[in-house]
């Protein structure tokens, strides 16, 4: 079960990469909230900054 799930996740990652749908796409489209928040999240920018650093480390 675990091995199969890993293959599916890897295929999704490869598809996102081929379509150019990385972290920026997720931030613009995948993380939309309905209804939109009424105030800014003070941790959002820092969370995405750290996520981007982690992704760069995993792609090498």
N, C-alpha and C. Protein backbone atom coordinates (compact mmCIF):
# COMPACT_ATOMS: atom_id res chain seq x y z
N UNK A 1 0.83 -1.20 0.00
CA UNK A 1 0.00 0.00 0.00
C UNK A 1 0.87 1.26 0.00
N UNK A 2 1.83 1.28 0.87
CA UNK A 2 2.69 2.46 0.98
C UNK A 2 3.47 2.69 -0.31
N UNK A 3 3.98 1.63 -0.89
CA UNK A 3 4.75 1.74 -2.13
C UNK A 3 3.88 2.29 -3.26
N UNK A 4 2.65 1.82 -3.37
CA UNK A 4 1.73 2.29 -4.41
C UNK A 4 1.44 3.78 -4.23
N UNK A 5 1.21 4.19 -2.99
CA UNK A 5 0.91 5.60 -2.74
C UNK A 5 2.10 6.47 -3.13
N UNK A 6 3.31 6.03 -2.84
CA UNK A 6 4.49 6.79 -3.21
C UNK A 6 4.61 6.97 -4.71
N UNK A 7 4.27 5.93 -5.47
CA UNK A 7 4.31 6.02 -6.94
C UNK A 7 3.29 7.03 -7.44
N UNK A 8 2.10 7.02 -6.86
CA UNK A 8 1.07 7.97 -7.28
C UNK A 8 1.49 9.40 -6.98
N UNK A 9 2.05 9.61 -5.80
CA UNK A 9 2.50 10.95 -5.44
C UNK A 9 3.63 11.41 -6.34
N UNK A 10 4.53 10.51 -6.68
CA UNK A 10 5.62 10.85 -7.58
C UNK A 10 5.12 11.22 -8.96
N UNK A 11 4.11 10.49 -9.44
CA UNK A 11 3.52 10.79 -10.75
C UNK A 11 2.84 12.15 -10.73
N UNK A 12 2.15 12.47 -9.64
CA UNK A 12 1.51 13.79 -9.53
C UNK A 12 2.55 14.90 -9.53
N UNK A 13 3.64 14.66 -8.81
CA UNK A 13 4.71 15.67 -8.75
C UNK A 13 5.30 15.89 -10.14
N UNK A 14 5.52 14.79 -10.86
CA UNK A 14 6.07 14.91 -12.21
C UNK A 14 5.12 15.64 -13.14
N UNK A 15 3.82 15.37 -13.01
CA UNK A 15 2.82 16.05 -13.83
C UNK A 15 2.80 17.54 -13.52
N UNK A 16 2.81 17.89 -12.24
CA UNK A 16 2.83 19.31 -11.86
C UNK A 16 4.07 20.00 -12.43
N UNK A 17 5.19 19.33 -12.37
CA UNK A 17 6.44 19.89 -12.89
C UNK A 17 6.34 20.11 -14.40
N UNK A 18 5.79 19.12 -15.11
CA UNK A 18 5.66 19.22 -16.57
C UNK A 18 4.72 20.35 -16.97
N UNK A 19 3.69 20.58 -16.16
CA UNK A 19 2.73 21.64 -16.46
C UNK A 19 3.18 23.00 -15.91
N UNK A 20 4.31 23.02 -15.22
CA UNK A 20 4.79 24.27 -14.64
C UNK A 20 3.97 24.70 -13.45
N UNK A 21 3.39 23.72 -12.75
CA UNK A 21 2.53 24.03 -11.62
C UNK A 21 3.23 23.70 -10.32
N UNK A 22 4.09 24.57 -9.93
CA UNK A 22 4.84 24.38 -8.70
C UNK A 22 4.21 25.14 -7.55
N UNK A 23 5.05 25.58 -6.67
CA UNK A 23 4.61 26.27 -5.47
C UNK A 23 3.88 27.57 -5.79
N UNK A 24 4.34 28.31 -6.79
CA UNK A 24 3.67 29.57 -7.14
C UNK A 24 2.24 29.32 -7.60
N UNK A 25 2.04 28.28 -8.41
CA UNK A 25 0.69 27.95 -8.88
C UNK A 25 -0.19 27.56 -7.70
N UNK A 26 0.35 26.74 -6.79
CA UNK A 26 -0.42 26.34 -5.62
C UNK A 26 -0.81 27.57 -4.80
N UNK A 27 0.12 28.49 -4.63
CA UNK A 27 -0.16 29.68 -3.82
C UNK A 27 -1.26 30.53 -4.45
N UNK A 28 -1.24 30.67 -5.79
CA UNK A 28 -2.25 31.48 -6.48
C UNK A 28 -3.59 30.78 -6.59
N UNK A 29 -3.59 29.49 -6.96
CA UNK A 29 -4.83 28.79 -7.30
C UNK A 29 -5.27 27.76 -6.27
N UNK A 30 -4.35 26.97 -5.76
CA UNK A 30 -4.72 25.86 -4.90
C UNK A 30 -5.04 26.25 -3.48
N UNK A 31 -4.60 27.41 -3.06
CA UNK A 31 -4.80 27.82 -1.67
C UNK A 31 -5.87 28.89 -1.52
N UNK A 32 -6.72 29.04 -2.54
CA UNK A 32 -7.79 30.03 -2.45
C UNK A 32 -8.81 29.62 -1.38
N UNK A 33 -9.21 30.57 -0.60
CA UNK A 33 -10.23 30.32 0.42
C UNK A 33 -11.52 31.01 0.02
N UNK A 34 -12.62 30.31 0.20
CA UNK A 34 -13.93 30.88 -0.09
C UNK A 34 -14.78 30.70 1.15
N UNK A 35 -15.25 31.77 1.73
CA UNK A 35 -15.02 33.17 1.39
C UNK A 35 -13.59 33.59 1.71
N UNK A 36 -13.11 34.63 1.02
CA UNK A 36 -11.74 35.09 1.26
C UNK A 36 -11.56 35.56 2.71
N UNK A 37 -10.36 35.42 3.24
CA UNK A 37 -10.11 35.88 4.61
C UNK A 37 -10.30 37.39 4.72
N UNK A 38 -10.67 37.83 5.90
CA UNK A 38 -10.90 39.27 6.11
C UNK A 38 -9.63 39.99 6.56
N UNK A 39 -8.62 39.24 6.97
CA UNK A 39 -7.35 39.85 7.40
C UNK A 39 -6.19 39.04 6.82
N UNK A 40 -5.03 39.70 6.69
CA UNK A 40 -3.84 39.01 6.21
C UNK A 40 -3.35 38.01 7.26
N UNK A 41 -2.78 36.92 6.78
CA UNK A 41 -2.18 35.93 7.66
C UNK A 41 -0.73 36.34 7.91
N UNK A 42 -0.37 36.64 9.14
CA UNK A 42 0.99 37.12 9.41
C UNK A 42 2.07 36.07 9.17
N UNK A 43 1.70 34.80 9.04
CA UNK A 43 2.68 33.73 8.88
C UNK A 43 2.76 33.20 7.44
N UNK A 44 1.88 33.65 6.57
CA UNK A 44 1.78 33.09 5.21
C UNK A 44 3.07 33.26 4.41
N UNK A 45 3.61 34.45 4.34
CA UNK A 45 4.82 34.68 3.54
C UNK A 45 5.99 33.85 4.05
N UNK A 46 6.13 33.78 5.38
CA UNK A 46 7.24 33.00 5.95
C UNK A 46 7.05 31.51 5.65
N UNK A 47 5.83 31.02 5.73
CA UNK A 47 5.58 29.60 5.44
C UNK A 47 5.94 29.26 4.00
N UNK A 48 5.54 30.09 3.05
CA UNK A 48 5.87 29.83 1.64
C UNK A 48 7.37 29.99 1.38
N UNK A 49 8.02 30.91 2.07
CA UNK A 49 9.47 31.08 1.92
C UNK A 49 10.19 29.80 2.35
N UNK A 50 9.79 29.27 3.50
CA UNK A 50 10.42 28.04 4.00
C UNK A 50 10.10 26.84 3.11
N UNK A 51 8.88 26.78 2.59
CA UNK A 51 8.47 25.68 1.71
C UNK A 51 9.31 25.71 0.42
N UNK A 52 9.54 26.90 -0.11
CA UNK A 52 10.35 27.03 -1.32
C UNK A 52 11.79 26.57 -1.08
N UNK A 53 12.34 26.90 0.07
CA UNK A 53 13.69 26.45 0.41
C UNK A 53 13.72 24.93 0.48
N UNK A 54 12.72 24.34 1.09
CA UNK A 54 12.65 22.88 1.22
C UNK A 54 12.55 22.23 -0.16
N UNK A 55 11.74 22.79 -1.05
CA UNK A 55 11.59 22.22 -2.40
C UNK A 55 12.91 22.29 -3.17
N UNK A 56 13.63 23.38 -3.04
CA UNK A 56 14.92 23.50 -3.74
C UNK A 56 15.88 22.43 -3.24
N UNK A 57 15.86 22.14 -1.95
CA UNK A 57 16.72 21.10 -1.39
C UNK A 57 16.35 19.71 -1.87
N UNK A 58 15.05 19.45 -2.10
CA UNK A 58 14.60 18.14 -2.52
C UNK A 58 14.83 17.91 -4.01
N UNK A 59 14.91 18.95 -4.81
CA UNK A 59 15.04 18.79 -6.25
C UNK A 59 16.48 18.53 -6.69
N UNK A 60 17.41 18.79 -5.80
CA UNK A 60 18.83 18.60 -6.15
C UNK A 60 19.24 17.15 -6.09
